C-alpha atoms as a PDB file:
ATOM      1  CA  UNK A   1      -0.020   0.030   0.017  1.00  0.00           C
ATOM      2  CA  UNK A   2       1.159   3.507  -0.879  1.00  0.00           C
ATOM      3  CA  UNK A   3       0.183   6.628   1.054  1.00  0.00           C
ATOM      4  CA  UNK A   4       0.495   9.953  -0.635  1.00  0.00           C
ATOM      5  CA  UNK A   5       0.436  13.242   1.295  1.00  0.00           C
ATOM      6  CA  UNK A   6       0.742  16.514  -0.677  1.00  0.00           C
ATOM      7  CA  UNK A   7       1.485  19.841   0.858  1.00  0.00           C
ATOM      8  CA  UNK A   8       2.495  23.208  -0.504  1.00  0.00           C
ATOM      9  CA  UNK A   9       5.467  24.970   1.013  1.00  0.00           C
ATOM     10  CA  UNK A  10       7.482  28.107   0.270  1.00  0.00           C
ATOM     11  CA  UNK A  11      10.302  27.116  -2.107  1.00  0.00           C
ATOM     12  CA  UNK A  12      12.884  28.775   0.043  1.00  0.00           C
ATOM     13  CA  UNK A  13      12.081  26.405   2.902  1.00  0.00           C
ATOM     14  CA  UNK A  14      12.447  23.117   0.808  1.00  0.00           C
ATOM     15  CA  UNK A  15      16.182  22.522   1.575  1.00  0.00           C
ATOM     16  CA  UNK A  16      15.853  22.803   5.223  1.00  0.00           C
ATOM     17  CA  UNK A  17      12.548  20.827   5.327  1.00  0.00           C
ATOM     18  CA  UNK A  18      14.135  18.095   3.109  1.00  0.00           C
ATOM     19  CA  UNK A  19      17.055  17.632   5.442  1.00  0.00           C
ATOM     20  CA  UNK A  20      14.709  17.461   8.442  1.00  0.00           C
ATOM     21  CA  UNK A  21      12.382  15.012   6.774  1.00  0.00           C
ATOM     22  CA  UNK A  22      15.365  12.760   5.972  1.00  0.00           C
ATOM     23  CA  UNK A  23      15.950  12.293   9.661  1.00  0.00           C
ATOM     24  CA  UNK A  24      12.276  11.274  10.338  1.00  0.00           C
ATOM     25  CA  UNK A  25      11.777   8.746   7.555  1.00  0.00           C
ATOM     26  CA  UNK A  26      11.783   5.047   8.575  1.00  0.00           C
ATOM     27  CA  UNK A  27      14.797   3.263   7.307  1.00  0.00           C
ATOM     28  CA  UNK A  28      13.066   1.180   4.631  1.00  0.00           C
ATOM     29  CA  UNK A  29      10.332   1.661   2.068  1.00  0.00           C
ATOM     30  CA  UNK A  30       9.870   5.466   2.765  1.00  0.00           C
ATOM     31  CA  UNK A  31      10.841   8.488   0.663  1.00  0.00           C
ATOM     32  CA  UNK A  32       9.453  11.871  -0.214  1.00  0.00           C
ATOM     33  CA  UNK A  33       9.948  14.322  -3.056  1.00  0.00           C
ATOM     34  CA  UNK A  34       9.679  17.987  -3.843  1.00  0.00           C
ATOM     35  CA  UNK A  35       9.290  18.910  -7.445  1.00  0.00           C
ATOM     36  CA  UNK A  36       9.509  22.271  -9.336  1.00  0.00           C
ATOM     37  CA  UNK A  37       9.522  22.901 -13.164  1.00  0.00           C
ATOM     38  CA  UNK A  38      13.308  22.117 -13.378  1.00  0.00           C
ATOM     39  CA  UNK A  39      14.414  19.842 -10.574  1.00  0.00           C
ATOM     40  CA  UNK A  40      13.173  17.049  -8.294  1.00  0.00           C
ATOM     41  CA  UNK A  41      14.585  16.793  -4.735  1.00  0.00           C
ATOM     42  CA  UNK A  42      14.224  13.127  -3.492  1.00  0.00           C
ATOM     43  CA  UNK A  43      14.388  12.585   0.206  1.00  0.00           C
ATOM     44  CA  UNK A  44      15.407   9.190   1.482  1.00  0.00           C
ATOM     45  CA  UNK A  45      16.304   8.340   5.164  1.00  0.00           C
ATOM     46  CA  UNK A  46      19.414  10.378   5.946  1.00  0.00           C
ATOM     47  CA  UNK A  47      19.968  11.008   2.186  1.00  0.00           C
ATOM     48  CA  UNK A  48      18.934  13.649  -0.415  1.00  0.00           C
ATOM     49  CA  UNK A  49      19.132  13.286  -4.241  1.00  0.00           C
ATOM     50  CA  UNK A  50      18.657  15.847  -6.923  1.00  0.00           C
ATOM     51  CA  UNK A  51      17.238  15.112 -10.356  1.00  0.00           C
ATOM     52  CA  UNK A  52      17.355  17.763 -13.004  1.00  0.00           C
ATOM     53  CA  UNK A  53      14.637  17.790 -15.749  1.00  0.00           C
ATOM     54  CA  UNK A  54      15.594  15.480 -18.531  1.00  0.00           C
ATOM     55  CA  UNK A  55      18.779  14.180 -16.852  1.00  0.00           C
ATOM     56  CA  UNK A  56      18.427  10.416 -17.192  1.00  0.00           C
ATOM     57  CA  UNK A  57      21.775   9.652 -15.405  1.00  0.00           C
ATOM     58  CA  UNK A  58      20.593  11.594 -12.332  1.00  0.00           C
ATOM     59  CA  UNK A  59      17.235   9.790 -12.269  1.00  0.00           C
ATOM     60  CA  UNK A  60      19.001   6.437 -12.502  1.00  0.00           C
ATOM     61  CA  UNK A  61      21.453   7.400  -9.795  1.00  0.00           C
ATOM     62  CA  UNK A  62      18.563   8.323  -7.551  1.00  0.00           C
ATOM     63  CA  UNK A  63      16.778   5.004  -8.476  1.00  0.00           C
ATOM     64  CA  UNK A  64      19.911   3.110  -7.429  1.00  0.00           C
ATOM     65  CA  UNK A  65      19.969   4.856  -4.019  1.00  0.00           C
ATOM     66  CA  UNK A  66      16.183   4.219  -3.549  1.00  0.00           C
ATOM     67  CA  UNK A  67      16.699   0.437  -3.969  1.00  0.00           C
ATOM     68  CA  UNK A  68      18.926   0.446  -1.038  1.00  0.00           C
ATOM     69  CA  UNK A  69      15.884   1.599   0.899  1.00  0.00           C
ATOM     70  CA  UNK A  70      13.648  -1.092  -0.665  1.00  0.00           C
ATOM     71  CA  UNK A  71      11.722   1.438  -2.733  1.00  0.00           C
ATOM     72  CA  UNK A  72       9.961  -0.507  -5.683  1.00  0.00           C
ATOM     73  CA  UNK A  73      11.061   0.658  -9.049  1.00  0.00           C
ATOM     74  CA  UNK A  74       7.424   1.361 -10.092  1.00  0.00           C
ATOM     75  CA  UNK A  75       7.363   4.048  -7.349  1.00  0.00           C
ATOM     76  CA  UNK A  76      10.567   5.720  -8.504  1.00  0.00           C
ATOM     77  CA  UNK A  77       9.574   7.069 -11.913  1.00  0.00           C
ATOM     78  CA  UNK A  78      11.451  10.152 -11.153  1.00  0.00           C
ATOM     79  CA  UNK A  79      12.081  11.236 -14.797  1.00  0.00           C
ATOM     80  CA  UNK A  80       8.279  11.252 -15.255  1.00  0.00           C
ATOM     81  CA  UNK A  81       7.424  13.252 -12.169  1.00  0.00           C
ATOM     82  CA  UNK A  82       7.894  16.586 -13.913  1.00  0.00           C
ATOM     83  CA  UNK A  83       4.766  15.967 -15.869  1.00  0.00           C
ATOM     84  CA  UNK A  84       2.824  13.616 -13.681  1.00  0.00           C
ATOM     85  CA  UNK A  85       3.238  13.837  -9.853  1.00  0.00           C
ATOM     86  CA  UNK A  86       2.688  10.198  -9.172  1.00  0.00           C
ATOM     87  CA  UNK A  87       2.941   8.251 -12.589  1.00  0.00           C
ATOM     88  CA  UNK A  88       2.801   4.861 -10.662  1.00  0.00           C
ATOM     89  CA  UNK A  89      -0.848   5.660  -9.749  1.00  0.00           C
ATOM     90  CA  UNK A  90      -2.019   5.530 -13.292  1.00  0.00           C
END
């Protein structure tokens, strides 16, 4: 089961909130992300990843890291999240 929580926050607060969230996530099967038109910040437990729009290598690196936290590949369609927030929900 996947639970999705969406919130809007001031863009200037994202870095500090992302770091704080990384300390609260459970060690397996949990992550969150922040998206703007040009970048995606993916937050894993004690780890942050940056994915730039249309940068396949960055998206793949982020997926590799996500697998260490047992995130299923279908939930890590990072390159598609610029257009569709949760492409795995289709």
